[in-house]
Amino acid sequence: MKKIVAFLMFFAAFIHADDINLWKKSTLNTILERGELIVGMDPGYIPFEMKTKKGELIGFDVDMAKAIADAMGVKLKLVPTEYDSIIASITTNKFDIIMSAMTITSERNLKVNFTKPYISVGQTLLVAKKHKVKNWQDLDKKGFIITTKLGVTGEIVAKRMFKNVQVKTFNTEAEAVQELINGNADAFIYDKPFNDIFMLQKGKDFVMHLSEELTYEPLGWAIRKGDPDFLNWLNNFLNQIKHDGTYDKLYEKWFVNNKWLPQVM
């Protein structure tokens, strides 16, 4: 009996030591010791992350990152990173977390871990006014061109759903939608919040919005694999702000009001 008790005590101590080592290596512990949260994001996606005319980074994700840093009691560093290389950058320790309106997919989940969704968006279409269409199927014609940003869900959806069109990708949303405005494309596919705001600002003069969402897309924050402490903290933080009014305040600021538009348009 004594041998069994001794073994159990040894085993418990071993497990405890293993837990301590896991914590010491965790991103959360590294952030606290460093005194700085480093966030990767691709500015240019209205209203999640974007640059003002003065070059300042603002947006829903930016404010969420500030709230996380404040809750940790650390400084915040934002690292602008092109979207098609952002996962590779976090896996090579360029930053601690991706906060860049990233859709949670099984393919991406093989490379990074996601928090619980913090918002959901879907793909919609901006269509040249010359086309009299009622739904996305009316656009699936040979000779038609649909634009989107390289490496995002819009590209995946366009190539999956449209069998006859040419899909052209660009490095930024602005370039892709401008191709439509210039008359060099027939439609632009992207996340509904971006398309809504584009229509509000200047799109109604050039295009029409097929606002029915073609997809369900939960967005999450992405972190490196093998980091349960950081993931646990982020999920608990998200749960807290969704119940204490913080989330609602930020959502209204960026998705309901448009007072920030003059800073970027």
Protein backbone atom coordinates (compact mmCIF):
# COMPACT_ATOMS: atom_id res chain seq x y z
CA MET A 1 0.00 0.00 0.00
CA LYS A 2 2.83 2.37 0.92
CA LYS A 3 4.48 1.65 -2.43
CA ILE A 4 1.28 2.57 -4.25
CA VAL A 5 0.90 5.82 -2.31
CA ALA A 6 4.54 6.70 -2.95
CA PHE A 7 4.12 6.00 -6.66
CA LEU A 8 0.99 8.15 -6.84
CA MET A 9 2.78 11.00 -5.07
CA PHE A 10 5.70 10.70 -7.46
CA PHE A 11 3.38 10.57 -10.47
CA ALA A 12 1.44 13.65 -9.28
CA ALA A 13 4.68 15.56 -8.76
CA PHE A 14 5.83 14.54 -12.24
CA ILE A 15 2.58 15.72 -13.82
CA HIS A 16 2.75 18.99 -11.87
CA ALA A 17 6.31 19.60 -13.06
CA ASP A 18 5.24 18.89 -16.62
CA ASP A 19 2.40 21.42 -16.31
CA ILE A 20 4.80 24.05 -14.97
CA ASN A 21 7.19 23.47 -17.88
CA LEU A 22 4.28 23.79 -20.33
CA TRP A 23 3.30 27.10 -18.75
CA LYS A 24 6.86 28.43 -18.82
CA LYS A 25 7.03 27.74 -22.56
CA SER A 26 3.56 29.14 -23.28
CA THR A 27 3.04 32.24 -25.41
CA LEU A 28 1.00 33.82 -22.62
CA ASN A 29 3.88 33.53 -20.15
CA THR A 30 6.29 34.86 -22.79
CA ILE A 31 4.05 37.88 -23.38
CA LEU A 32 3.80 38.65 -19.66
CA GLU A 33 7.57 38.35 -19.17
CA ARG A 34 8.26 40.43 -22.28
CA GLY A 35 5.68 43.04 -21.30
CA GLU A 36 4.41 43.29 -24.86
CA LEU A 37 1.76 41.60 -27.00
CA ILE A 38 2.81 41.27 -30.65
CA VAL A 39 -0.10 40.99 -33.10
CA GLY A 40 0.04 40.18 -36.81
CA MET A 41 -2.59 41.66 -39.11
CA ASP A 42 -3.04 42.64 -42.73
CA PRO A 43 -4.27 46.27 -42.81
CA GLY A 44 -6.64 47.12 -45.62
CA TYR A 45 -9.75 45.17 -44.65
CA ILE A 46 -12.51 47.60 -43.74
CA PRO A 47 -13.57 47.87 -40.92
CA PHE A 48 -11.42 45.24 -39.21
CA GLU A 49 -7.92 46.62 -39.78
CA MET A 50 -6.95 49.55 -41.98
CA LYS A 51 -4.56 52.45 -42.28
CA THR A 52 -5.71 56.04 -41.87
CA LYS A 53 -4.56 58.75 -44.24
CA LYS A 54 -1.84 59.46 -41.67
CA GLY A 55 -0.70 55.83 -41.65
CA GLU A 56 -2.17 54.90 -38.27
CA LEU A 57 -3.66 51.42 -37.87
CA ILE A 58 -7.31 51.46 -36.75
CA GLY A 59 -10.28 49.12 -36.84
CA PHE A 60 -12.34 46.55 -34.97
CA ASP A 61 -9.49 44.05 -34.68
CA VAL A 62 -7.09 46.82 -33.63
CA ASP A 63 -9.38 47.86 -30.78
CA MET A 64 -9.83 44.22 -29.78
CA ALA A 65 -6.03 43.83 -29.67
CA LYS A 66 -5.77 46.94 -27.49
CA ALA A 67 -8.38 45.48 -25.13
CA ILE A 68 -6.43 42.22 -24.87
CA ALA A 69 -3.16 44.04 -24.15
CA ASP A 70 -4.89 46.18 -21.52
CA ALA A 71 -6.34 43.08 -19.85
CA MET A 72 -2.85 41.55 -19.74
CA GLY A 73 -1.27 44.77 -18.49
CA VAL A 74 1.25 44.87 -21.35
CA LYS A 75 2.11 47.09 -24.29
CA LEU A 76 0.82 46.38 -27.81
CA LYS A 77 2.85 46.02 -30.99
CA LEU A 78 1.08 45.62 -34.34
CA VAL A 79 2.96 43.94 -37.18
CA PRO A 80 1.48 44.59 -40.67
CA THR A 81 1.81 41.36 -42.69
CA GLU A 82 0.51 40.34 -46.10
CA TYR A 83 -2.34 37.86 -45.76
CA ASP A 84 -0.90 35.12 -47.95
CA SER A 85 2.14 34.82 -45.67
CA ILE A 86 0.56 35.56 -42.30
CA ILE A 87 0.21 31.93 -41.14
CA ALA A 88 3.79 31.16 -42.12
CA SER A 89 4.87 34.23 -40.16
CA ILE A 90 3.22 33.17 -36.91
CA THR A 91 4.58 29.63 -37.16
CA THR A 92 8.07 31.17 -37.38
CA ASN A 93 7.43 33.32 -34.28
CA LYS A 94 7.13 36.70 -36.00
CA PHE A 95 4.25 37.51 -33.62
CA ASP A 96 2.12 35.97 -30.87
CA ILE A 97 -1.33 35.97 -32.46
CA ILE A 98 -3.09 36.65 -35.75
CA MET A 99 -5.96 39.12 -35.40
CA SER A 100 -6.86 39.78 -39.01
CA ALA A 101 -10.46 38.72 -39.67
CA MET A 102 -9.34 35.19 -40.47
CA THR A 103 -12.02 32.66 -41.40
CA ILE A 104 -11.80 29.45 -39.40
CA THR A 105 -11.29 26.58 -41.85
CA SER A 106 -10.21 22.97 -41.38
CA GLU A 107 -7.27 23.54 -43.73
CA ARG A 108 -5.93 26.48 -41.72
CA ASN A 109 -6.64 24.62 -38.50
CA LEU A 110 -4.02 22.04 -39.49
CA LYS A 111 -1.38 24.77 -39.16
CA VAL A 112 -2.72 26.97 -36.34
CA ASN A 113 -5.21 26.77 -33.50
CA PHE A 114 -8.23 29.05 -33.45
CA THR A 115 -10.12 30.67 -30.62
CA LYS A 116 -13.89 30.46 -30.52
CA PRO A 117 -15.42 32.67 -33.26
CA TYR A 118 -15.55 36.33 -32.33
CA ILE A 119 -17.75 37.33 -35.28
CA SER A 120 -19.29 35.75 -38.37
CA VAL A 121 -19.35 37.11 -41.90
CA GLY A 122 -20.26 35.76 -45.34
CA GLN A 123 -19.21 36.34 -48.93
CA THR A 124 -21.33 38.67 -51.07
CA LEU A 125 -21.00 40.09 -54.57
CA LEU A 126 -20.59 43.58 -55.96
CA VAL A 127 -21.73 43.51 -59.59
CA ALA A 128 -21.31 45.99 -62.43
CA LYS A 129 -24.55 47.91 -62.93
CA LYS A 130 -24.69 46.98 -66.62
CA HIS A 131 -25.55 43.40 -65.66
CA LYS A 132 -29.18 42.65 -64.86
CA VAL A 133 -28.72 39.78 -62.44
CA LYS A 134 -30.76 38.52 -59.51
CA ASN A 135 -28.43 35.93 -58.02
CA TRP A 136 -24.89 34.57 -58.27
CA GLN A 137 -25.87 31.90 -60.81
CA ASP A 138 -26.64 34.63 -63.35
CA LEU A 139 -22.96 35.62 -63.26
CA ASP A 140 -21.54 32.17 -63.99
CA LYS A 141 -20.94 32.76 -67.69
CA LYS A 142 -17.97 32.28 -69.98
CA GLY A 143 -16.12 35.52 -70.61
CA PHE A 144 -17.07 36.99 -67.23
CA ILE A 145 -14.35 38.07 -64.78
CA ILE A 146 -14.71 38.03 -61.00
CA THR A 147 -12.07 39.68 -58.82
CA THR A 148 -11.07 39.16 -55.19
CA LYS A 149 -8.07 39.35 -52.89
CA LEU A 150 -5.34 36.74 -53.09
CA GLY A 151 -5.40 34.00 -50.46
CA VAL A 152 -8.72 34.83 -48.79
CA THR A 153 -12.01 32.94 -48.56
CA GLY A 154 -13.41 34.96 -51.47
CA GLU A 155 -10.89 33.31 -53.80
CA ILE A 156 -11.75 29.82 -52.52
CA VAL A 157 -15.51 30.42 -52.82
CA ALA A 158 -15.25 31.98 -56.28
CA LYS A 159 -13.26 29.05 -57.65
CA ARG A 160 -15.58 26.52 -56.03
CA MET A 161 -18.93 28.04 -56.97
CA PHE A 162 -18.22 29.61 -60.36
CA LYS A 163 -17.32 27.05 -63.01
CA ASN A 164 -17.26 29.23 -66.12
CA VAL A 165 -15.82 32.61 -65.10
CA GLN A 166 -12.23 33.77 -64.84
CA VAL A 167 -11.20 34.53 -61.26
CA LYS A 168 -8.55 37.26 -60.97
CA THR A 169 -6.81 37.86 -57.64
CA PHE A 170 -5.03 40.94 -56.32
CA ASN A 171 -2.82 41.69 -53.33
CA THR A 172 -5.38 44.01 -51.72
CA GLU A 173 -9.15 44.42 -51.58
CA ALA A 174 -8.79 47.97 -52.91
CA GLU A 175 -7.04 46.79 -56.07
CA ALA A 176 -9.57 44.02 -56.66
CA VAL A 177 -12.65 46.22 -56.30
CA GLN A 178 -11.04 49.02 -58.32
CA GLU A 179 -10.71 46.61 -61.24
CA LEU A 180 -14.51 46.32 -61.14
CA ILE A 181 -14.98 50.09 -60.89
CA ASN A 182 -12.64 50.59 -63.87
CA GLY A 183 -14.82 48.33 -66.00
CA ASN A 184 -12.25 45.54 -66.29
CA ALA A 185 -14.32 42.98 -64.35
CA ASP A 186 -17.94 41.96 -64.00
CA ALA A 187 -18.09 41.31 -60.26
CA PHE A 188 -16.11 41.40 -57.03
CA ILE A 189 -16.55 38.81 -54.26
CA TYR A 190 -15.61 39.57 -50.68
CA ASP A 191 -16.82 39.66 -47.08
CA LYS A 192 -20.17 41.37 -46.51
CA PRO A 193 -18.94 44.04 -44.02
CA PHE A 194 -16.42 45.34 -46.55
CA ASN A 195 -18.99 45.36 -49.36
CA ASP A 196 -21.60 47.06 -47.17
CA ILE A 197 -19.25 49.89 -46.28
CA PHE A 198 -17.99 50.22 -49.84
CA MET A 199 -21.57 50.68 -51.03
CA LEU A 200 -22.22 53.21 -48.29
CA GLN A 201 -19.17 55.24 -49.26
CA LYS A 202 -19.08 55.25 -53.06
CA GLY A 203 -20.15 51.93 -54.53
CA LYS A 204 -23.78 52.82 -55.30
CA ASP A 205 -22.67 55.03 -58.18
CA PHE A 206 -20.90 52.17 -59.94
CA VAL A 207 -22.16 48.78 -58.78
CA MET A 208 -25.05 46.93 -57.21
CA HIS A 209 -24.77 44.70 -54.16
CA LEU A 210 -26.07 41.15 -54.17
CA SER A 211 -26.19 41.14 -50.37
CA GLU A 212 -27.37 37.57 -49.81
CA GLU A 213 -24.49 35.79 -48.09
CA LEU A 214 -23.11 32.88 -50.09
CA THR A 215 -21.27 31.38 -47.13
CA TYR A 216 -21.24 31.12 -43.35
CA GLU A 217 -17.83 32.22 -42.12
CA PRO A 218 -16.88 32.31 -38.46
CA LEU A 219 -13.80 34.43 -37.83
CA GLY A 220 -11.28 33.57 -35.12
CA TRP A 221 -7.94 34.63 -33.71
CA ALA A 222 -5.12 32.24 -34.61
CA ILE A 223 -2.23 31.11 -32.43
CA ARG A 224 0.53 28.54 -32.70
CA LYS A 225 -0.12 24.86 -32.06
CA GLY A 226 0.50 23.29 -28.66
CA ASP A 227 -0.42 26.30 -26.50
CA PRO A 228 -3.45 25.44 -24.30
CA ASP A 229 -2.81 28.17 -21.70
CA PHE A 230 -2.92 31.00 -24.25
CA LEU A 231 -5.97 29.52 -25.99
CA ASN A 232 -7.79 29.14 -22.67
CA TRP A 233 -7.06 32.74 -21.69
CA LEU A 234 -8.21 34.15 -25.04
CA ASN A 235 -11.48 32.20 -25.00
CA ASN A 236 -12.22 33.35 -21.47
CA PHE A 237 -11.38 36.94 -22.40
CA LEU A 238 -13.74 36.75 -25.38
CA ASN A 239 -16.52 35.34 -23.22
CA GLN A 240 -16.03 38.13 -20.69
CA ILE A 241 -16.15 41.05 -23.15
CA LYS A 242 -19.22 39.61 -24.84
CA HIS A 243 -21.04 39.83 -21.52
CA ASP A 244 -19.69 43.04 -19.96
CA GLY A 245 -20.62 45.43 -22.79
CA THR A 246 -17.12 45.87 -24.22
CA TYR A 247 -17.78 43.84 -27.36
CA ASP A 248 -21.10 45.57 -28.08
CA LYS A 249 -19.48 48.98 -27.73
CA LEU A 250 -16.72 48.13 -30.21
CA TYR A 251 -19.16 46.49 -32.63
CA GLU A 252 -21.35 49.59 -32.70
CA LYS A 253 -18.29 51.82 -33.20
CA TRP A 254 -17.08 49.98 -36.30
CA PHE A 255 -20.13 48.28 -37.85
CA VAL A 256 -23.06 50.53 -36.99
CA ASN A 257 -21.60 54.03 -37.00
CA ASN A 258 -19.46 55.40 -39.81
CA LYS A 259 -17.78 58.34 -38.07
CA TRP A 260 -14.39 56.74 -38.75
CA LEU A 261 -14.84 56.68 -42.53
CA PRO A 262 -13.31 60.13 -43.21
CA GLN A 263 -10.06 58.92 -41.63
CA VAL A 264 -9.56 56.29 -44.33
CA MET A 265 -11.61 57.47 -47.33
